[in-house]
Amino acid sequence: MPKVESAGTGHGEEFDDLSCCEEMARIFRALGNETRLGILRRIMEGEMCVSEIQDGLDRSQPNISQHLSILRDRGVVTGERDGARVCYRLADPRVADLLELAAKIFEIDPTR
């Protein structure tokens, strides 16, 4: 199989196969949903519980929980039980950097 070079990094990184790309594609598919992106925007600044995340997203609690489950399964967010509530935060703060960079690349106003 031919080697695939990463585009535009200037680091000359090469991949002998696409197995790493498969995992990245799974994560990007999880990020490729407007509700999940809305959830991530809400928790970029800090930990929030489902009811707090739900405010302003015009989605039901079960719908928010379903999307959080997908994000948690992909390792994008992590949840911690606080009594009867589960509060979520980014599993890695660099996810916020990724979303901000994407907004800049595509000239999207992140405050919209």
PDB file of N, CA and C in Angstrom:
ATOM      1  N   MET A   1       0.851  -1.176   0.000  1.00  0.00           N
ATOM      2  CA  MET A   1       0.000   0.000   0.000  1.00  0.00           C
ATOM      3  C   MET A   1       0.897   1.240   0.000  1.00  0.00           C
ATOM      4  N   PRO A   2       0.562   2.246  -0.817  1.00  0.00           N
ATOM      5  CA  PRO A   2       1.392   3.450  -0.838  1.00  0.00           C
ATOM      6  C   PRO A   2       1.264   4.230   0.456  1.00  0.00           C
ATOM      7  N   LYS A   3       2.316   4.950   0.763  1.00  0.00           N
ATOM      8  CA  LYS A   3       2.296   5.784   1.960  1.00  0.00           C
ATOM      9  C   LYS A   3       1.487   7.044   1.686  1.00  0.00           C
ATOM     10  N   VAL A   4       0.782   7.490   2.705  1.00  0.00           N
ATOM     11  CA  VAL A   4      -0.024   8.699   2.601  1.00  0.00           C
ATOM     12  C   VAL A   4       0.649   9.768   3.436  1.00  0.00           C
ATOM     13  N   GLU A   5       0.989  10.889   2.814  1.00  0.00           N
ATOM     14  CA  GLU A   5       1.612  11.979   3.553  1.00  0.00           C
ATOM     15  C   GLU A   5       0.541  12.929   4.038  1.00  0.00           C
ATOM     16  N   SER A   6       0.759  13.461   5.240  1.00  0.00           N
ATOM     17  CA  SER A   6      -0.187  14.438   5.755  1.00  0.00           C
ATOM     18  C   SER A   6      -0.020  15.731   4.976  1.00  0.00           C
ATOM     19  N   ALA A   7      -1.145  16.363   4.677  1.00  0.00           N
ATOM     20  CA  ALA A   7      -1.124  17.565   3.849  1.00  0.00           C
ATOM     21  C   ALA A   7      -0.912  18.808   4.686  1.00  0.00           C
ATOM     22  N   GLY A   8       0.018  19.623   4.270  1.00  0.00           N
ATOM     23  CA  GLY A   8       0.156  20.953   4.816  1.00  0.00           C
ATOM     24  C   GLY A   8       0.730  21.079   6.208  1.00  0.00           C
ATOM     25  N   THR A   9       1.255  20.019   6.795  1.00  0.00           N
ATOM     26  CA  THR A   9       1.795  20.160   8.134  1.00  0.00           C
ATOM     27  C   THR A   9       3.244  20.591   8.116  1.00  0.00           C
ATOM     28  N   GLY A  10       3.927  20.281   7.010  1.00  0.00           N
ATOM     29  CA  GLY A  10       5.334  20.634   6.933  1.00  0.00           C
ATOM     30  C   GLY A  10       6.205  19.731   7.778  1.00  0.00           C
ATOM     31  N   HIS A  11       5.609  18.726   8.410  1.00  0.00           N
ATOM     32  CA  HIS A  11       6.371  17.826   9.269  1.00  0.00           C
ATOM     33  C   HIS A  11       6.795  16.558   8.551  1.00  0.00           C
ATOM     34  N   GLY A  12       6.282  16.341   7.322  1.00  0.00           N
ATOM     35  CA  GLY A  12       6.653  15.160   6.565  1.00  0.00           C
ATOM     36  C   GLY A  12       6.180  13.870   7.203  1.00  0.00           C
ATOM     37  N   GLU A  13       5.116  13.931   8.004  1.00  0.00           N
ATOM     38  CA  GLU A  13       4.598  12.720   8.638  1.00  0.00           C
ATOM     39  C   GLU A  13       4.041  11.793   7.570  1.00  0.00           C
ATOM     40  N   GLU A  14       4.277  10.520   7.748  1.00  0.00           N
ATOM     41  CA  GLU A  14       3.785   9.537   6.796  1.00  0.00           C
ATOM     42  C   GLU A  14       3.074   8.430   7.557  1.00  0.00           C
ATOM     43  N   PHE A  15       2.091   7.828   6.898  1.00  0.00           N
ATOM     44  CA  PHE A  15       1.330   6.725   7.474  1.00  0.00           C
ATOM     45  C   PHE A  15       1.447   5.530   6.542  1.00  0.00           C
ATOM     46  N   ASP A  16       1.836   4.381   7.090  1.00  0.00           N
ATOM     47  CA  ASP A  16       1.956   3.179   6.275  1.00  0.00           C
ATOM     48  C   ASP A  16       0.602   2.593   5.931  1.00  0.00           C
ATOM     49  N   ASP A  17      -0.412   2.869   6.742  1.00  0.00           N
ATOM     50  CA  ASP A  17      -1.753   2.383   6.464  1.00  0.00           C
ATOM     51  C   ASP A  17      -2.760   3.422   6.944  1.00  0.00           C
ATOM     52  N   LEU A  18      -4.014   3.131   6.752  1.00  0.00           N
ATOM     53  CA  LEU A  18      -5.052   4.094   7.085  1.00  0.00           C
ATOM     54  C   LEU A  18      -5.781   3.760   8.381  1.00  0.00           C
ATOM     55  N   SER A  19      -5.225   2.862   9.200  1.00  0.00           N
ATOM     56  CA  SER A  19      -5.933   2.473  10.428  1.00  0.00           C
ATOM     57  C   SER A  19      -6.139   3.664  11.361  1.00  0.00           C
ATOM     58  N   CYS A  20      -5.162   4.561  11.440  1.00  0.00           N
ATOM     59  CA  CYS A  20      -5.336   5.739  12.293  1.00  0.00           C
ATOM     60  C   CYS A  20      -6.428   6.639  11.728  1.00  0.00           C
ATOM     61  N   CYS A  21      -6.567   6.661  10.419  1.00  0.00           N
ATOM     62  CA  CYS A  21      -7.590   7.490   9.785  1.00  0.00           C
ATOM     63  C   CYS A  21      -8.990   6.955  10.069  1.00  0.00           C
ATOM     64  N   GLU A  22      -9.129   5.648  10.222  1.00  0.00           N
ATOM     65  CA  GLU A  22     -10.428   5.065  10.536  1.00  0.00           C
ATOM     66  C   GLU A  22     -10.940   5.574  11.877  1.00  0.00           C
ATOM     67  N   GLU A  23     -10.074   5.610  12.872  1.00  0.00           N
ATOM     68  CA  GLU A  23     -10.478   6.099  14.192  1.00  0.00           C
ATOM     69  C   GLU A  23     -10.787   7.590  14.146  1.00  0.00           C
ATOM     70  N   MET A  24      -9.963   8.351  13.435  1.00  0.00           N
ATOM     71  CA  MET A  24     -10.240   9.782  13.306  1.00  0.00           C
ATOM     72  C   MET A  24     -11.564  10.010  12.592  1.00  0.00           C
ATOM     73  N   ALA A  25     -11.868   9.209  11.593  1.00  0.00           N
ATOM     74  CA  ALA A  25     -13.140   9.349  10.867  1.00  0.00           C
ATOM     75  C   ALA A  25     -14.320   9.084  11.796  1.00  0.00           C
ATOM     76  N   ARG A  26     -14.198   8.095  12.682  1.00  0.00           N
ATOM     77  CA  ARG A  26     -15.267   7.813  13.649  1.00  0.00           C
ATOM     78  C   ARG A  26     -15.494   9.026  14.557  1.00  0.00           C
ATOM     79  N   ILE A  27     -14.413   9.646  14.978  1.00  0.00           N
ATOM     80  CA  ILE A  27     -14.527  10.817  15.857  1.00  0.00           C
ATOM     81  C   ILE A  27     -15.127  11.986  15.095  1.00  0.00           C
ATOM     82  N   PHE A  28     -14.658  12.222  13.868  1.00  0.00           N
ATOM     83  CA  PHE A  28     -15.201  13.326  13.093  1.00  0.00           C
ATOM     84  C   PHE A  28     -16.675  13.107  12.740  1.00  0.00           C
ATOM     85  N   ARG A  29     -17.083  11.848  12.540  1.00  0.00           N
ATOM     86  CA  ARG A  29     -18.510  11.591  12.321  1.00  0.00           C
ATOM     87  C   ARG A  29     -19.312  11.976  13.558  1.00  0.00           C
ATOM     88  N   ALA A  30     -18.752  11.701  14.735  1.00  0.00           N
ATOM     89  CA  ALA A  30     -19.434  12.095  15.981  1.00  0.00           C
ATOM     90  C   ALA A  30     -19.526  13.611  16.076  1.00  0.00           C
ATOM     91  N   LEU A  31     -18.520  14.315  15.593  1.00  0.00           N
ATOM     92  CA  LEU A  31     -18.521  15.773  15.635  1.00  0.00           C
ATOM     93  C   LEU A  31     -19.389  16.380  14.532  1.00  0.00           C
ATOM     94  N   GLY A  32     -19.733  15.590  13.533  1.00  0.00           N
ATOM     95  CA  GLY A  32     -20.444  16.099  12.364  1.00  0.00           C
ATOM     96  C   GLY A  32     -21.947  16.162  12.525  1.00  0.00           C
ATOM     97  N   ASN A  33     -22.405  16.593  13.674  1.00  0.00           N
ATOM     98  CA  ASN A  33     -23.837  16.711  13.931  1.00  0.00           C
ATOM     99  C   ASN A  33     -24.078  18.033  14.653  1.00  0.00           C
ATOM    100  N   GLU A  34     -25.042  18.803  14.189  1.00  0.00           N
ATOM    101  CA  GLU A  34     -25.237  20.141  14.748  1.00  0.00           C
ATOM    102  C   GLU A  34     -25.611  20.112  16.226  1.00  0.00           C
ATOM    103  N   THR A  35     -26.372  19.123  16.660  1.00  0.00           N
ATOM    104  CA  THR A  35     -26.717  19.054  18.082  1.00  0.00           C
ATOM    105  C   THR A  35     -25.479  18.752  18.919  1.00  0.00           C
ATOM    106  N   ARG A  36     -24.666  17.803  18.458  1.00  0.00           N
ATOM    107  CA  ARG A  36     -23.457  17.470  19.212  1.00  0.00           C
ATOM    108  C   ARG A  36     -22.477  18.639  19.224  1.00  0.00           C
ATOM    109  N   LEU A  37     -22.371  19.361  18.126  1.00  0.00           N
ATOM    110  CA  LEU A  37     -21.519  20.556  18.118  1.00  0.00           C
ATOM    111  C   LEU A  37     -22.064  21.612  19.076  1.00  0.00           C
ATOM    112  N   GLY A  38     -23.383  21.742  19.137  1.00  0.00           N
ATOM    113  CA  GLY A  38     -23.992  22.674  20.084  1.00  0.00           C
ATOM    114  C   GLY A  38     -23.697  22.283  21.524  1.00  0.00           C
ATOM    115  N   ILE A  39     -23.745  20.993  21.797  1.00  0.00           N
ATOM    116  CA  ILE A  39     -23.408  20.501  23.133  1.00  0.00           C
ATOM    117  C   ILE A  39     -21.960  20.847  23.465  1.00  0.00           C
ATOM    118  N   LEU A  40     -21.065  20.575  22.534  1.00  0.00           N
ATOM    119  CA  LEU A  40     -19.646  20.845  22.775  1.00  0.00           C
ATOM    120  C   LEU A  40     -19.393  22.332  22.982  1.00  0.00           C
ATOM    121  N   ARG A  41     -20.056  23.176  22.213  1.00  0.00           N
ATOM    122  CA  ARG A  41     -19.903  24.623  22.403  1.00  0.00           C
ATOM    123  C   ARG A  41     -20.319  25.030  23.809  1.00  0.00           C
ATOM    124  N   ARG A  42     -21.364  24.383  24.336  1.00  0.00           N
ATOM    125  CA  ARG A  42     -21.860  24.731  25.667  1.00  0.00           C
ATOM    126  C   ARG A  42     -20.888  24.288  26.757  1.00  0.00           C
ATOM    127  N   ILE A  43     -20.218  23.157  26.560  1.00  0.00           N
ATOM    128  CA  ILE A  43     -19.342  22.658  27.633  1.00  0.00           C
ATOM    129  C   ILE A  43     -17.867  23.013  27.405  1.00  0.00           C
ATOM    130  N   MET A  44     -17.572  23.773  26.374  1.00  0.00           N
ATOM    131  CA  MET A  44     -16.182  24.173  26.124  1.00  0.00           C
ATOM    132  C   MET A  44     -15.612  24.987  27.286  1.00  0.00           C
ATOM    133  N   GLU A  45     -16.458  25.743  27.948  1.00  0.00           N
ATOM    134  CA  GLU A  45     -16.005  26.612  29.038  1.00  0.00           C
ATOM    135  C   GLU A  45     -15.949  25.904  30.386  1.00  0.00           C
ATOM    136  N   GLY A  46     -16.577  24.744  30.483  1.00  0.00           N
ATOM    137  CA  GLY A  46     -16.547  24.032  31.750  1.00  0.00           C
ATOM    138  C   GLY A  46     -17.647  23.001  31.858  1.00  0.00           C
ATOM    139  N   GLU A  47     -17.597  22.269  32.923  1.00  0.00           N
ATOM    140  CA  GLU A  47     -18.508  21.157  33.170  1.00  0.00           C
ATOM    141  C   GLU A  47     -19.958  21.629  33.276  1.00  0.00           C
ATOM    142  N   MET A  48     -20.874  20.854  32.664  1.00  0.00           N
ATOM    143  CA  MET A  48     -22.296  21.152  32.737  1.00  0.00           C
ATOM    144  C   MET A  48     -23.078  19.850  32.840  1.00  0.00           C
ATOM    145  N   CYS A  49     -24.219  19.925  33.523  1.00  0.00           N
ATOM    146  CA  CYS A  49     -25.122  18.780  33.617  1.00  0.00           C
ATOM    147  C   CYS A  49     -26.114  18.827  32.455  1.00  0.00           C
ATOM    148  N   VAL A  50     -26.788  17.711  32.219  1.00  0.00           N
ATOM    149  CA  VAL A  50     -27.677  17.580  31.064  1.00  0.00           C
ATOM    150  C   VAL A  50     -28.710  18.700  31.030  1.00  0.00           C
ATOM    151  N   SER A  51     -29.327  19.002  32.163  1.00  0.00           N
ATOM    152  CA  SER A  51     -30.360  20.045  32.176  1.00  0.00           C
ATOM    153  C   SER A  51     -29.783  21.403  31.797  1.00  0.00           C
ATOM    154  N   GLU A  52     -28.550  21.675  32.182  1.00  0.00           N
ATOM    155  CA  GLU A  52     -27.898  22.932  31.818  1.00  0.00           C
ATOM    156  C   GLU A  52     -27.554  22.956  30.332  1.00  0.00           C
ATOM    157  N   ILE A  53     -27.108  21.827  29.813  1.00  0.00           N
ATOM    158  CA  ILE A  53     -26.776  21.716  28.394  1.00  0.00           C
ATOM    159  C   ILE A  53     -28.040  21.888  27.559  1.00  0.00           C
ATOM    160  N   GLN A  54     -29.119  21.314  28.050  1.00  0.00           N
ATOM    161  CA  GLN A  54     -30.389  21.335  27.338  1.00  0.00           C
ATOM    162  C   GLN A  54     -30.915  22.752  27.151  1.00  0.00           C
ATOM    163  N   ASP A  55     -30.711  23.620  28.132  1.00  0.00           N
ATOM    164  CA  ASP A  55     -31.169  25.004  28.046  1.00  0.00           C
ATOM    165  C   ASP A  55     -30.572  25.680  26.815  1.00  0.00           C
ATOM    166  N   GLY A  56     -31.413  26.201  25.969  1.00  0.00           N
ATOM    167  CA  GLY A  56     -30.951  26.921  24.796  1.00  0.00           C
ATOM    168  C   GLY A  56     -30.715  26.063  23.566  1.00  0.00           C
ATOM    169  N   LEU A  57     -30.787  24.759  23.681  1.00  0.00           N
ATOM    170  CA  LEU A  57     -30.575  23.909  22.502  1.00  0.00           C
ATOM    171  C   LEU A  57     -31.882  23.434  21.873  1.00  0.00           C
ATOM    172  N   ASP A  58     -33.005  23.678  22.541  1.00  0.00           N
ATOM    173  CA  ASP A  58     -34.313  23.301  22.012  1.00  0.00           C
ATOM    174  C   ASP A  58     -34.372  21.814  21.653  1.00  0.00           C
ATOM    175  N   ARG A  59     -33.828  20.994  22.539  1.00  0.00           N
ATOM    176  CA  ARG A  59     -33.867  19.536  22.377  1.00  0.00           C
ATOM    177  C   ARG A  59     -34.337  18.942  23.697  1.00  0.00           C
ATOM    178  N   SER A  60     -34.933  17.765  23.634  1.00  0.00           N
ATOM    179  CA  SER A  60     -35.406  17.099  24.847  1.00  0.00           C
ATOM    180  C   SER A  60     -34.235  16.519  25.632  1.00  0.00           C
ATOM    181  N   GLN A  61     -34.477  16.257  26.897  1.00  0.00           N
ATOM    182  CA  GLN A  61     -33.436  15.655  27.745  1.00  0.00           C
ATOM    183  C   GLN A  61     -33.002  14.296  27.201  1.00  0.00           C
ATOM    184  N   PRO A  62     -33.929  13.419  26.780  1.00  0.00           N
ATOM    185  CA  PRO A  62     -33.473  12.137  26.221  1.00  0.00           C
ATOM    186  C   PRO A  62     -32.626  12.311  24.953  1.00  0.00           C
ATOM    187  N   ASN A  63     -32.967  13.309  24.133  1.00  0.00           N
ATOM    188  CA  ASN A  63     -32.196  13.565  22.917  1.00  0.00           C
ATOM    189  C   ASN A  63     -30.785  14.029  23.256  1.00  0.00           C
ATOM    190  N   ILE A  64     -30.665  14.948  24.214  1.00  0.00           N
ATOM    191  CA  ILE A  64     -29.352  15.428  24.649  1.00  0.00           C
ATOM    192  C   ILE A  64     -28.535  14.263  25.210  1.00  0.00           C
ATOM    193  N   SER A  65     -29.173  13.434  26.026  1.00  0.00           N
ATOM    194  CA  SER A  65     -28.478  12.283  26.623  1.00  0.00           C
ATOM    195  C   SER A  65     -27.984  11.311  25.561  1.00  0.00           C
ATOM    196  N   GLN A  66     -28.787  11.109  24.519  1.00  0.00           N
ATOM    197  CA  GLN A  66     -28.388  10.210  23.428  1.00  0.00           C
ATOM    198  C   GLN A  66     -27.147  10.761  22.714  1.00  0.00           C
ATOM    199  N   HIS A  67     -27.143  12.049  22.443  1.00  0.00           N
ATOM    200  CA  HIS A  67     -25.985  12.655  21.781  1.00  0.00           C
ATOM    201  C   HIS A  67     -24.758  12.632  22.690  1.00  0.00           C
ATOM    202  N   LEU A  68     -24.943  12.872  23.983  1.00  0.00           N
ATOM    203  CA  LEU A  68     -23.822  12.794  24.927  1.00  0.00           C
ATOM    204  C   LEU A  68     -23.249  11.385  24.976  1.00  0.00           C
ATOM    205  N   SER A  69     -24.106  10.392  24.870  1.00  0.00           N
ATOM    206  CA  SER A  69     -23.645   9.003  24.865  1.00  0.00           C
ATOM    207  C   SER A  69     -22.721   8.741  23.678  1.00  0.00           C
ATOM    208  N   ILE A  70     -23.070   9.264  22.520  1.00  0.00           N
ATOM    209  CA  ILE A  70     -22.227   9.101  21.334  1.00  0.00           C
ATOM    210  C   ILE A  70     -20.883   9.792  21.546  1.00  0.00           C
ATOM    211  N   LEU A  71     -20.924  11.009  22.060  1.00  0.00           N
ATOM    212  CA  LEU A  71     -19.680  11.748  22.315  1.00  0.00           C
ATOM    213  C   LEU A  71     -18.829  11.052  23.370  1.00  0.00           C
ATOM    214  N   ARG A  72     -19.462  10.491  24.371  1.00  0.00           N
ATOM    215  CA  ARG A  72     -18.731   9.771  25.422  1.00  0.00           C
ATOM    216  C   ARG A  72     -18.118   8.492  24.866  1.00  0.00           C
ATOM    217  N   ASP A  73     -18.875   7.760  24.051  1.00  0.00           N
ATOM    218  CA  ASP A  73     -18.359   6.518  23.458  1.00  0.00           C
ATOM    219  C   ASP A  73     -17.154   6.768  22.555  1.00  0.00           C
ATOM    220  N   ARG A  74     -17.090   7.937  21.940  1.00  0.00           N
ATOM    221  CA  ARG A  74     -15.972   8.280  21.056  1.00  0.00           C
ATOM    222  C   ARG A  74     -14.824   8.936  21.818  1.00  0.00           C
ATOM    223  N   GLY A  75     -14.999   9.134  23.131  1.00  0.00           N
ATOM    224  CA  GLY A  75     -13.935   9.701  23.940  1.00  0.00           C
ATOM    225  C   GLY A  75     -13.813  11.214  23.844  1.00  0.00           C
ATOM    226  N   VAL A  76     -14.849  11.876  23.342  1.00  0.00           N
ATOM    227  CA  VAL A  76     -14.811  13.328  23.184  1.00  0.00           C
ATOM    228  C   VAL A  76     -15.180  14.026  24.489  1.00  0.00           C
ATOM    229  N   VAL A  77     -16.148  13.461  25.215  1.00  0.00           N
ATOM    230  CA  VAL A  77     -16.547  14.010  26.512  1.00  0.00           C
ATOM    231  C   VAL A  77     -16.435  12.926  27.569  1.00  0.00           C
ATOM    232  N   THR A  78     -16.437  13.357  28.796  1.00  0.00           N
ATOM    233  CA  THR A  78     -16.442  12.435  29.920  1.00  0.00           C
ATOM    234  C   THR A  78     -17.509  12.911  30.901  1.00  0.00           C
ATOM    235  N   GLY A  79     -18.170  11.976  31.541  1.00  0.00           N
ATOM    236  CA  GLY A  79     -19.227  12.324  32.483  1.00  0.00           C
ATOM    237  C   GLY A  79     -18.882  11.868  33.885  1.00  0.00           C
ATOM    238  N   GLU A  80     -19.356  12.642  34.856  1.00  0.00           N
ATOM    239  CA  GLU A  80     -19.129  12.305  36.253  1.00  0.00           C
ATOM    240  C   GLU A  80     -20.442  12.460  37.004  1.00  0.00           C
ATOM    241  N   ARG A  81     -20.795  11.416  37.730  1.00  0.00           N
ATOM    242  CA  ARG A  81     -22.052  11.420  38.481  1.00  0.00           C
ATOM    243  C   ARG A  81     -21.926  12.325  39.698  1.00  0.00           C
ATOM    244  N   ASP A  82     -22.980  13.147  39.889  1.00  0.00           N
ATOM    245  CA  ASP A  82     -23.084  14.034  41.041  1.00  0.00           C
ATOM    246  C   ASP A  82     -24.472  13.812  41.623  1.00  0.00           C
ATOM    247  N   GLY A  83     -24.591  12.809  42.483  1.00  0.00           N
ATOM    248  CA  GLY A  83     -25.908  12.421  42.988  1.00  0.00           C
ATOM    249  C   GLY A  83     -26.708  11.799  41.864  1.00  0.00           C
ATOM    250  N   ALA A  84     -27.878  12.357  41.601  1.00  0.00           N
ATOM    251  CA  ALA A  84     -28.735  11.844  40.532  1.00  0.00           C
ATOM    252  C   ALA A  84     -28.368  12.438  39.178  1.00  0.00           C
ATOM    253  N   ARG A  85     -27.525  13.444  39.176  1.00  0.00           N
ATOM    254  CA  ARG A  85     -27.157  14.131  37.935  1.00  0.00           C
ATOM    255  C   ARG A  85     -25.821  13.617  37.405  1.00  0.00           C
ATOM    256  N   VAL A  86     -25.669  13.713  36.098  1.00  0.00           N
ATOM    257  CA  VAL A  86     -24.379  13.431  35.471  1.00  0.00           C
ATOM    258  C   VAL A  86     -23.926  14.723  34.812  1.00  0.00           C
ATOM    259  N   CYS A  87     -22.724  15.153  35.148  1.00  0.00           N
ATOM    260  CA  CYS A  87     -22.158  16.373  34.572  1.00  0.00           C
ATOM    261  C   CYS A  87     -21.062  15.989  33.587  1.00  0.00           C
ATOM    262  N   TYR A  88     -20.998  16.727  32.490  1.00  0.00           N
ATOM    263  CA  TYR A  88     -20.086  16.403  31.396  1.00  0.00           C
ATOM    264  C   TYR A  88     -19.078  17.526  31.185  1.00  0.00           C
ATOM    265  N   ARG A  89     -17.914  17.119  30.703  1.00  0.00           N
ATOM    266  CA  ARG A  89     -16.869  18.067  30.318  1.00  0.00           C
ATOM    267  C   ARG A  89     -16.110  17.453  29.147  1.00  0.00           C
ATOM    268  N   LEU A  90     -15.322  18.282  28.479  1.00  0.00           N
ATOM    269  CA  LEU A  90     -14.490  17.776  27.390  1.00  0.00           C
ATOM    270  C   LEU A  90     -13.474  16.800  27.962  1.00  0.00           C
ATOM    271  N   ALA A  91     -13.274  15.697  27.297  1.00  0.00           N
ATOM    272  CA  ALA A  91     -12.282  14.721  27.745  1.00  0.00           C
ATOM    273  C   ALA A  91     -10.873  15.275  27.565  1.00  0.00           C
ATOM    274  N   ASP A  92     -10.712  16.143  26.576  1.00  0.00           N
ATOM    275  CA  ASP A  92      -9.415  16.759  26.295  1.00  0.00           C
ATOM    276  C   ASP A  92      -9.680  18.207  25.901  1.00  0.00           C
ATOM    277  N   PRO A  93      -9.083  19.159  26.585  1.00  0.00           N
ATOM    278  CA  PRO A  93      -9.352  20.566  26.275  1.00  0.00           C
ATOM    279  C   PRO A  93      -8.951  20.972  24.859  1.00  0.00           C
ATOM    280  N   ARG A  94      -8.136  20.177  24.213  1.00  0.00           N
ATOM    281  CA  ARG A  94      -7.731  20.499  22.838  1.00  0.00           C
ATOM    282  C   ARG A  94      -8.889  20.373  21.857  1.00  0.00           C
ATOM    283  N   VAL A  95      -9.974  19.679  22.269  1.00  0.00           N
ATOM    284  CA  VAL A  95     -11.167  19.614  21.419  1.00  0.00           C
ATOM    285  C   VAL A  95     -11.709  21.022  21.197  1.00  0.00           C
ATOM    286  N   ALA A  96     -11.676  21.857  22.240  1.00  0.00           N
ATOM    287  CA  ALA A  96     -12.116  23.251  22.106  1.00  0.00           C
ATOM    288  C   ALA A  96     -11.231  23.966  21.087  1.00  0.00           C
ATOM    289  N   ASP A  97      -9.931  23.714  21.131  1.00  0.00           N
ATOM    290  CA  ASP A  97      -9.010  24.315  20.159  1.00  0.00           C
ATOM    291  C   ASP A  97      -9.367  23.876  18.739  1.00  0.00           C
ATOM    292  N   LEU A  98      -9.694  22.593  18.578  1.00  0.00           N
ATOM    293  CA  LEU A  98     -10.057  22.053  17.274  1.00  0.00           C
ATOM    294  C   LEU A  98     -11.308  22.743  16.736  1.00  0.00           C
ATOM    295  N   LEU A  99     -12.320  22.904  17.587  1.00  0.00           N
ATOM    296  CA  LEU A  99     -13.559  23.538  17.153  1.00  0.00           C
ATOM    297  C   LEU A  99     -13.346  25.018  16.825  1.00  0.00           C
ATOM    298  N   GLU A 100     -12.541  25.688  17.618  1.00  0.00           N
ATOM    299  CA  GLU A 100     -12.240  27.101  17.338  1.00  0.00           C
ATOM    300  C   GLU A 100     -11.452  27.243  16.044  1.00  0.00           C
ATOM    301  N   LEU A 101     -10.501  26.340  15.803  1.00  0.00           N
ATOM    302  CA  LEU A 101      -9.727  26.369  14.567  1.00  0.00           C
ATOM    303  C   LEU A 101     -10.634  26.111  13.366  1.00  0.00           C
ATOM    304  N   ALA A 102     -11.532  25.151  13.480  1.00  0.00           N
ATOM    305  CA  ALA A 102     -12.464  24.864  12.388  1.00  0.00           C
ATOM    306  C   ALA A 102     -13.314  26.089  12.071  1.00  0.00           C
ATOM    307  N   ALA A 103     -13.779  26.785  13.109  1.00  0.00           N
ATOM    308  CA  ALA A 103     -14.575  27.997  12.898  1.00  0.00           C
ATOM    309  C   ALA A 103     -13.762  29.050  12.150  1.00  0.00           C
ATOM    310  N   LYS A 104     -12.491  29.180  12.483  1.00  0.00           N
ATOM    311  CA  LYS A 104     -11.627  30.150  11.796  1.00  0.00           C
ATOM    312  C   LYS A 104     -11.389  29.746  10.344  1.00  0.00           C
ATOM    313  N   ILE A 105     -11.092  28.465  10.134  1.00  0.00           N
ATOM    314  CA  ILE A 105     -10.813  27.978   8.784  1.00  0.00           C
ATOM    315  C   ILE A 105     -12.006  28.233   7.864  1.00  0.00           C
ATOM    316  N   PHE A 106     -13.202  27.963   8.358  1.00  0.00           N
ATOM    317  CA  PHE A 106     -14.401  28.102   7.545  1.00  0.00           C
ATOM    318  C   PHE A 106     -15.103  29.440   7.731  1.00  0.00           C
ATOM    319  N   GLU A 107     -14.402  30.352   8.407  1.00  0.00           N
ATOM    320  CA  GLU A 107     -14.886  31.712   8.618  1.00  0.00           C
ATOM    321  C   GLU A 107     -16.306  31.727   9.192  1.00  0.00           C
ATOM    322  N   ILE A 108     -16.467  30.978  10.278  1.00  0.00           N
ATOM    323  CA  ILE A 108     -17.749  30.891  10.980  1.00  0.00           C
ATOM    324  C   ILE A 108     -17.633  31.682  12.263  1.00  0.00           C
ATOM    325  N   ASP A 109     -18.617  32.510  12.526  1.00  0.00           N
ATOM    326  CA  ASP A 109     -18.643  33.271  13.774  1.00  0.00           C
ATOM    327  C   ASP A 109     -19.087  32.321  14.882  1.00  0.00           C
ATOM    328  N   PRO A 110     -18.193  31.940  15.807  1.00  0.00           N
ATOM    329  CA  PRO A 110     -18.552  30.970  16.842  1.00  0.00           C
ATOM    330  C   PRO A 110     -19.584  31.492  17.846  1.00  0.00           C
ATOM    331  N   THR A 111     -19.877  32.790  17.824  1.00  0.00           N
ATOM    332  CA  THR A 111     -20.861  33.340  18.753  1.00  0.00           C
ATOM    333  C   THR A 111     -22.274  33.256  18.195  1.00  0.00           C
ATOM    334  N   ARG A 112     -22.423  32.829  16.948  1.00  0.00           N
ATOM    335  CA  ARG A 112     -23.764  32.718  16.357  1.00  0.00           C
ATOM    336  C   ARG A 112     -24.539  31.607  16.980  1.00  0.00           C
TER     337      ARG A 112
END
